[in-house]
């Protein structure tokens, strides 16, 4: 009798005196502190890095291009993820409990799905932009202008918003799983389950654009290699000022395409494991351990942390803009007209 009572008392709950409270995973203070430190650092880098991208592209007139407008939209999605989603997900991961109530749980889940889906769409439109810039440079200015870029951005946000809020608030994702949801639901939990139909549809929303982007970038890199050989041949024959300028512009477009291709590659590495698990988990009765599932989610989240780091490594204009921001030179008169790269 006493041993049974002691065993029950040793179990931790999210809400100790609330009926049907979720069981809380016991972690030492040291483990929780280390987790908070790593995850908080991730959140701060995500917010700070993407904020620099947004300020740079918004402030410096030289960066006001249709392509950078799409990059700005992607950075905005990453920043909002860092501000609106990651802090609350951090608490849920470390404490193994959701303390913000069921209403905010639903809203948080909707925003999470919205921002991740918006990132996919933004990357798709960036790939289309780079395709025309590298593969059809003569018609690029007429095909991809600011009006087209704004249409792309509108689609990249409106369609994911309709998908995420429509799916979750209508509870279409867990139709047929009502009994399982009732069993798994408890105070301090925040579940998102997909039935077989929506697990497949959600995977398609991710994988179809990804395969399209892979095809587009494969074509871009094929054309870029041909152009590189042509440029080398031109350099051996002529060195006129106009030819040098043309080659510089083409090299810059190709480098931008390669950098954004790396961004897309990192996106796939970060998110494919999560979407693959979500698609399979419904067919194995949701047996993925919570710790594994949390790890896959955070691997996806970290993609938003990597993007500005990739820009910092590959884009000289980003490093120069960061220096101007950190040293407060952007507050100088006419700082928006500063040249971040040679024309």
Protein backbone atom coordinates (compact mmCIF):
# COMPACT_ATOMS: atom_id res chain seq x y z
CA UNK A 1 0.00 0.00 0.00
CA UNK A 2 2.72 2.45 1.01
CA UNK A 3 4.94 1.53 -1.96
CA UNK A 4 2.00 2.08 -4.35
CA UNK A 5 1.28 5.46 -2.83
CA UNK A 6 4.92 6.46 -3.02
CA UNK A 7 5.06 5.37 -6.68
CA UNK A 8 2.02 7.51 -7.50
CA UNK A 9 3.44 10.48 -5.60
CA UNK A 10 6.72 10.27 -7.51
CA UNK A 11 4.96 10.76 -10.86
CA UNK A 12 5.15 14.35 -12.08
CA UNK A 13 2.20 15.98 -13.81
CA UNK A 14 1.95 19.17 -15.87
CA UNK A 15 -0.78 20.39 -13.51
CA UNK A 16 -0.40 18.56 -10.22
CA UNK A 17 -3.94 19.15 -8.91
CA UNK A 18 -5.87 19.05 -12.20
CA UNK A 19 -7.89 16.01 -13.26
CA UNK A 20 -6.54 14.19 -16.33
CA UNK A 21 -3.31 16.19 -16.39
CA UNK A 22 -0.54 15.02 -18.73
CA UNK A 23 2.36 13.13 -17.19
CA UNK A 24 5.50 15.27 -17.18
CA UNK A 25 8.86 13.80 -18.22
CA UNK A 26 11.28 14.14 -15.33
CA UNK A 27 14.50 15.99 -16.19
CA UNK A 28 17.26 17.20 -13.91
CA UNK A 29 17.88 20.92 -13.48
CA UNK A 30 21.19 20.60 -15.33
CA UNK A 31 19.58 18.95 -18.38
CA UNK A 32 16.77 21.51 -18.50
CA UNK A 33 19.24 24.40 -18.17
CA UNK A 34 21.38 23.04 -21.01
CA UNK A 35 18.30 22.56 -23.21
CA UNK A 36 17.08 26.07 -22.52
CA UNK A 37 20.52 27.50 -23.30
CA UNK A 38 20.83 25.70 -26.68
CA UNK A 39 17.25 26.35 -27.76
CA UNK A 40 17.26 29.98 -26.59
CA UNK A 41 20.50 30.57 -28.50
CA UNK A 42 18.81 29.07 -31.59
CA UNK A 43 15.81 31.39 -31.15
CA UNK A 44 18.02 34.48 -30.75
CA UNK A 45 20.17 33.66 -33.81
CA UNK A 46 17.00 33.03 -35.82
CA UNK A 47 15.48 36.37 -34.84
CA UNK A 48 18.71 38.38 -35.07
CA UNK A 49 19.95 36.90 -38.35
CA UNK A 50 16.67 37.25 -40.21
CA UNK A 51 16.17 40.74 -38.80
CA UNK A 52 19.49 41.76 -40.38
CA UNK A 53 18.32 40.35 -43.74
CA UNK A 54 15.03 42.27 -43.50
CA UNK A 55 16.68 45.56 -42.46
CA UNK A 56 19.36 45.24 -45.16
CA UNK A 57 16.99 44.60 -48.04
CA UNK A 58 14.48 47.18 -46.82
CA UNK A 59 17.02 49.93 -46.16
CA UNK A 60 19.61 49.76 -48.94
CA UNK A 61 18.23 50.84 -52.32
CA UNK A 62 20.78 48.77 -54.21
CA UNK A 63 19.12 45.66 -52.80
CA UNK A 64 15.66 46.68 -54.03
CA UNK A 65 15.26 43.99 -56.70
CA UNK A 66 12.45 41.50 -57.37
CA UNK A 67 14.68 38.61 -56.30
CA UNK A 68 15.62 40.27 -53.01
CA UNK A 69 11.94 41.05 -52.43
CA UNK A 70 11.29 37.31 -52.47
CA UNK A 71 14.28 36.72 -50.16
CA UNK A 72 12.78 39.38 -47.87
CA UNK A 73 9.50 37.46 -47.80
CA UNK A 74 11.34 34.24 -46.89
CA UNK A 75 13.27 36.05 -44.12
CA UNK A 76 9.98 37.46 -42.81
CA UNK A 77 8.56 33.94 -42.52
CA UNK A 78 11.71 32.82 -40.69
CA UNK A 79 11.62 35.85 -38.38
CA UNK A 80 7.95 35.32 -37.50
CA UNK A 81 8.72 31.68 -36.77
CA UNK A 82 11.44 32.81 -34.36
CA UNK A 83 9.15 35.31 -32.65
CA UNK A 84 5.72 33.65 -32.69
CA UNK A 85 6.45 29.91 -32.64
CA UNK A 86 9.89 28.97 -31.33
CA UNK A 87 9.72 30.49 -27.82
CA UNK A 88 6.55 28.56 -26.97
CA UNK A 89 7.81 25.39 -28.66
CA UNK A 90 10.99 25.73 -26.60
CA UNK A 91 9.02 25.71 -23.34
CA UNK A 92 6.91 22.76 -24.51
CA UNK A 93 10.03 20.78 -25.48
CA UNK A 94 11.97 21.41 -22.27
CA UNK A 95 9.07 21.16 -19.83
CA UNK A 96 7.29 18.45 -21.84
CA UNK A 97 4.05 20.33 -21.15
CA UNK A 98 1.90 22.98 -22.83
CA UNK A 99 1.01 25.70 -20.31
CA UNK A 100 -0.64 28.24 -22.64
CA UNK A 101 -4.10 26.64 -22.89
CA UNK A 102 -6.01 24.89 -25.70
CA UNK A 103 -7.05 28.08 -27.57
CA UNK A 104 -3.48 29.29 -27.97
CA UNK A 105 -2.39 25.72 -28.76
CA UNK A 106 -4.65 25.73 -31.82
CA UNK A 107 -3.50 29.22 -32.87
CA UNK A 108 0.16 28.32 -32.32
CA UNK A 109 -0.23 25.18 -34.44
CA UNK A 110 -1.92 27.16 -37.24
CA UNK A 111 0.84 29.78 -37.29
CA UNK A 112 3.47 27.03 -37.23
CA UNK A 113 1.96 25.26 -40.26
CA UNK A 114 1.37 28.61 -42.01
CA UNK A 115 4.98 29.79 -41.69
CA UNK A 116 6.52 26.46 -42.68
CA UNK A 117 4.25 26.21 -45.73
CA UNK A 118 4.93 29.86 -46.62
CA UNK A 119 8.65 29.06 -46.60
CA UNK A 120 8.08 26.26 -49.12
CA UNK A 121 6.11 28.56 -51.43
CA UNK A 122 8.64 31.39 -51.12
CA UNK A 123 11.47 29.02 -52.02
CA UNK A 124 9.47 27.82 -55.03
CA UNK A 125 8.98 31.34 -56.35
CA UNK A 126 12.64 32.17 -55.68
CA UNK A 127 13.58 29.14 -57.78
CA UNK A 128 11.35 30.41 -60.62
CA UNK A 129 12.98 33.84 -60.36
CA UNK A 130 16.48 32.34 -60.54
CA UNK A 131 15.47 30.16 -63.49
CA UNK A 132 14.61 33.20 -65.61
CA UNK A 133 17.62 35.18 -64.33
CA UNK A 134 20.11 32.49 -65.35
CA UNK A 135 18.39 30.58 -68.16
CA UNK A 136 16.60 33.46 -69.91
CA UNK A 137 18.51 36.64 -68.89
CA UNK A 138 17.40 38.68 -71.93
CA UNK A 139 13.73 38.39 -70.97
CA UNK A 140 14.24 38.31 -67.19
CA UNK A 141 13.40 41.99 -66.63
CA UNK A 142 10.12 41.66 -68.54
CA UNK A 143 9.17 38.30 -67.01
CA UNK A 144 10.06 38.98 -63.35
CA UNK A 145 9.38 42.55 -62.28
CA UNK A 146 8.22 44.03 -58.97
CA UNK A 147 4.54 43.49 -59.77
CA UNK A 148 5.16 39.80 -60.49
CA UNK A 149 7.25 39.50 -57.32
CA UNK A 150 4.41 40.96 -55.24
CA UNK A 151 1.96 38.51 -56.83
CA UNK A 152 4.32 35.67 -55.93
CA UNK A 153 4.55 36.93 -52.33
CA UNK A 154 0.77 37.27 -52.03
CA UNK A 155 0.32 33.69 -53.23
CA UNK A 156 3.11 32.48 -50.91
CA UNK A 157 1.20 33.82 -47.90
CA UNK A 158 -2.49 33.63 -48.79
CA UNK A 159 -2.52 30.00 -49.95
CA UNK A 160 -0.65 28.66 -46.86
CA UNK A 161 -2.94 30.75 -44.60
CA UNK A 162 -6.05 29.22 -46.19
CA UNK A 163 -4.51 25.75 -45.95
CA UNK A 164 -3.32 25.93 -42.33
CA UNK A 165 -6.26 27.75 -40.72
CA UNK A 166 -8.83 25.90 -42.84
CA UNK A 167 -7.32 22.51 -42.05
CA UNK A 168 -6.84 22.92 -38.31
CA UNK A 169 -9.87 25.00 -37.33
CA UNK A 170 -12.23 22.67 -39.23
CA UNK A 171 -10.41 19.71 -37.61
CA UNK A 172 -10.26 17.97 -40.97
CA UNK A 173 -6.83 16.62 -40.05
CA UNK A 174 -8.10 14.35 -37.27
CA UNK A 175 -11.47 13.20 -38.65
CA UNK A 176 -11.79 9.49 -37.96
CA UNK A 177 -9.30 9.74 -35.11
CA UNK A 178 -11.74 11.13 -32.54
CA UNK A 179 -11.43 8.14 -30.20
CA UNK A 180 -7.63 8.24 -30.32
CA UNK A 181 -7.59 12.01 -29.78
CA UNK A 182 -9.89 11.57 -26.74
CA UNK A 183 -7.54 8.93 -25.31
CA UNK A 184 -4.37 10.95 -25.90
CA UNK A 185 -5.78 14.34 -24.89
CA UNK A 186 -4.88 15.61 -21.44
CA UNK A 187 -4.39 18.93 -19.67
CA UNK A 188 -0.96 20.23 -20.61
CA UNK A 189 -0.83 18.61 -24.05
CA UNK A 190 -0.88 20.18 -27.50
CA UNK A 191 -1.43 17.50 -30.13
CA UNK A 192 -1.47 17.68 -33.92
CA UNK A 193 -2.52 14.41 -35.50
CA UNK A 194 -3.15 13.71 -39.19
CA UNK A 195 -5.48 11.02 -40.46
CA UNK A 196 -4.28 8.95 -43.43
CA UNK A 197 -5.85 11.22 -46.03
CA UNK A 198 -4.44 14.46 -44.66
CA UNK A 199 -1.08 12.89 -43.83
CA UNK A 200 -0.69 12.14 -47.54
CA UNK A 201 -2.03 15.55 -48.63
CA UNK A 202 0.26 17.36 -46.17
CA UNK A 203 3.21 15.38 -47.51
CA UNK A 204 2.21 16.30 -51.08
CA UNK A 205 2.06 20.00 -50.13
CA UNK A 206 5.69 19.64 -49.11
CA UNK A 207 7.17 17.12 -51.56
CA UNK A 208 5.57 18.28 -54.83
CA UNK A 209 7.04 21.84 -54.62
CA UNK A 210 10.34 20.34 -53.44
CA UNK A 211 10.64 18.03 -56.46
CA UNK A 212 9.72 20.97 -58.70
CA UNK A 213 12.50 23.06 -57.11
CA UNK A 214 15.02 20.26 -57.52
CA UNK A 215 14.16 20.07 -61.23
CA UNK A 216 14.42 23.84 -61.64
CA UNK A 217 17.79 24.10 -59.91
CA UNK A 218 19.13 21.11 -61.84
CA UNK A 219 18.29 23.00 -65.03
CA UNK A 220 19.79 26.23 -63.63
CA UNK A 221 23.11 24.58 -62.78
CA UNK A 222 23.28 22.89 -66.19
CA UNK A 223 22.82 26.23 -67.93
CA UNK A 224 25.20 27.95 -65.50
CA UNK A 225 27.98 25.51 -66.39
CA UNK A 226 27.49 26.20 -70.11
CA UNK A 227 27.53 29.94 -69.47
CA UNK A 228 30.70 29.64 -67.39
CA UNK A 229 32.46 27.98 -70.31
CA UNK A 230 31.20 30.71 -72.66
CA UNK A 231 32.41 33.42 -70.27
CA UNK A 232 35.84 31.81 -70.10
CA UNK A 233 35.98 31.72 -73.88
CA UNK A 234 34.97 35.40 -74.07
CA UNK A 235 37.61 36.38 -71.53
CA UNK A 236 40.26 34.84 -73.76
CA UNK A 237 39.13 36.91 -76.76
CA UNK A 238 37.94 40.30 -75.48
CA UNK A 239 38.26 42.57 -72.50
CA UNK A 240 35.97 45.48 -73.38
CA UNK A 241 34.27 47.40 -70.57
CA UNK A 242 30.76 46.39 -71.64
CA UNK A 243 31.72 42.74 -71.92
CA UNK A 244 33.32 42.85 -68.48
CA UNK A 245 30.16 44.39 -67.01
CA UNK A 246 27.98 41.77 -68.71
CA UNK A 247 30.17 38.98 -67.39
CA UNK A 248 30.11 40.45 -63.88
CA UNK A 249 26.31 40.65 -63.91
CA UNK A 250 26.00 37.08 -65.19
CA UNK A 251 28.48 35.82 -62.60
CA UNK A 252 26.49 37.57 -59.86
CA UNK A 253 23.23 35.98 -61.06
CA UNK A 254 24.86 32.54 -61.14
CA UNK A 255 26.33 32.97 -57.67
CA UNK A 256 22.94 34.07 -56.36
CA UNK A 257 21.35 30.98 -57.93
CA UNK A 258 23.98 28.71 -56.36
CA UNK A 259 23.55 30.33 -52.95
CA UNK A 260 19.77 30.03 -53.08
CA UNK A 261 20.22 26.46 -54.28
CA UNK A 262 22.18 25.80 -51.09
CA UNK A 263 19.35 27.45 -49.11
CA UNK A 264 16.91 25.04 -50.74
CA UNK A 265 19.21 22.07 -50.09
CA UNK A 266 19.47 22.92 -46.40
CA UNK A 267 15.69 23.34 -46.30
CA UNK A 268 15.25 19.80 -47.65
CA UNK A 269 17.78 18.31 -45.22
CA UNK A 270 16.01 19.99 -42.31
CA UNK A 271 12.38 19.28 -43.22
CA UNK A 272 12.33 16.00 -45.17
CA UNK A 273 12.81 13.83 -42.01
CA UNK A 274 9.85 15.50 -40.26
CA UNK A 275 7.43 15.26 -43.20
CA UNK A 276 8.53 11.68 -43.92
CA UNK A 277 7.89 10.70 -40.30
CA UNK A 278 4.51 12.45 -40.27
CA UNK A 279 3.49 10.58 -43.42
CA UNK A 280 4.60 7.18 -42.04
CA UNK A 281 3.55 7.68 -38.40
CA UNK A 282 -0.17 7.48 -39.15
CA UNK A 283 0.31 3.99 -40.63
CA UNK A 284 2.21 2.69 -37.56
CA UNK A 285 -0.37 3.92 -35.04
CA UNK A 286 1.56 7.06 -34.05
CA UNK A 287 4.37 5.13 -32.36
CA UNK A 288 7.12 7.70 -32.94
CA UNK A 289 8.63 8.47 -29.50
CA UNK A 290 7.94 12.01 -28.28
CA UNK A 291 11.66 12.79 -27.95
CA UNK A 292 12.29 11.73 -31.58
CA UNK A 293 9.30 13.72 -32.83
CA UNK A 294 10.48 16.82 -30.94
CA UNK A 295 13.96 16.37 -32.39
CA UNK A 296 12.57 16.20 -35.94
CA UNK A 297 10.48 19.33 -35.39
CA UNK A 298 13.48 21.28 -34.10
CA UNK A 299 15.61 20.06 -37.00
CA UNK A 300 13.00 21.68 -39.23
CA UNK A 301 12.89 24.84 -37.14
CA UNK A 302 16.68 25.19 -37.28
CA UNK A 303 16.37 25.71 -41.04
CA UNK A 304 15.19 29.25 -40.24
CA UNK A 305 18.39 29.72 -38.24
CA UNK A 306 20.63 28.48 -41.05
CA UNK A 307 19.31 30.76 -43.81
CA UNK A 308 20.90 34.05 -42.61
CA UNK A 309 24.10 32.18 -41.76
CA UNK A 310 24.24 30.96 -45.37
CA UNK A 311 23.76 34.54 -46.59
CA UNK A 312 26.57 35.69 -44.26
CA UNK A 313 28.92 33.04 -45.64
CA UNK A 314 28.17 33.46 -49.36
CA UNK A 315 26.98 37.06 -49.80
CA UNK A 316 29.57 39.87 -49.37
CA UNK A 317 26.72 42.40 -49.41
CA UNK A 318 25.21 40.75 -46.34
CA UNK A 319 28.47 41.01 -44.40
CA UNK A 320 28.90 44.65 -45.40
CA UNK A 321 25.28 45.44 -44.51
CA UNK A 322 25.72 43.71 -41.13
CA UNK A 323 28.79 45.84 -40.42
CA UNK A 324 26.88 49.04 -41.31
CA UNK A 325 23.97 48.02 -39.09
CA UNK A 326 26.11 47.01 -36.10
CA UNK A 327 28.16 50.23 -36.31
CA UNK A 328 24.94 52.31 -36.68
CA UNK A 329 26.15 53.77 -39.98
CA UNK A 330 22.70 53.11 -41.46
CA UNK A 331 21.50 56.13 -39.46
CA UNK A 332 23.82 58.42 -41.41
CA UNK A 333 22.39 60.71 -44.07
CA UNK A 334 21.92 58.99 -47.44
CA UNK A 335 23.08 55.67 -46.01
CA UNK A 336 20.39 53.95 -48.05
CA UNK A 337 22.35 54.90 -51.19
CA UNK A 338 25.54 53.14 -50.07
CA UNK A 339 26.91 50.62 -52.56
CA UNK A 340 27.14 47.11 -51.14
CA UNK A 341 28.58 45.59 -54.30
CA UNK A 342 30.06 46.87 -57.55
CA UNK A 343 27.57 47.57 -60.34
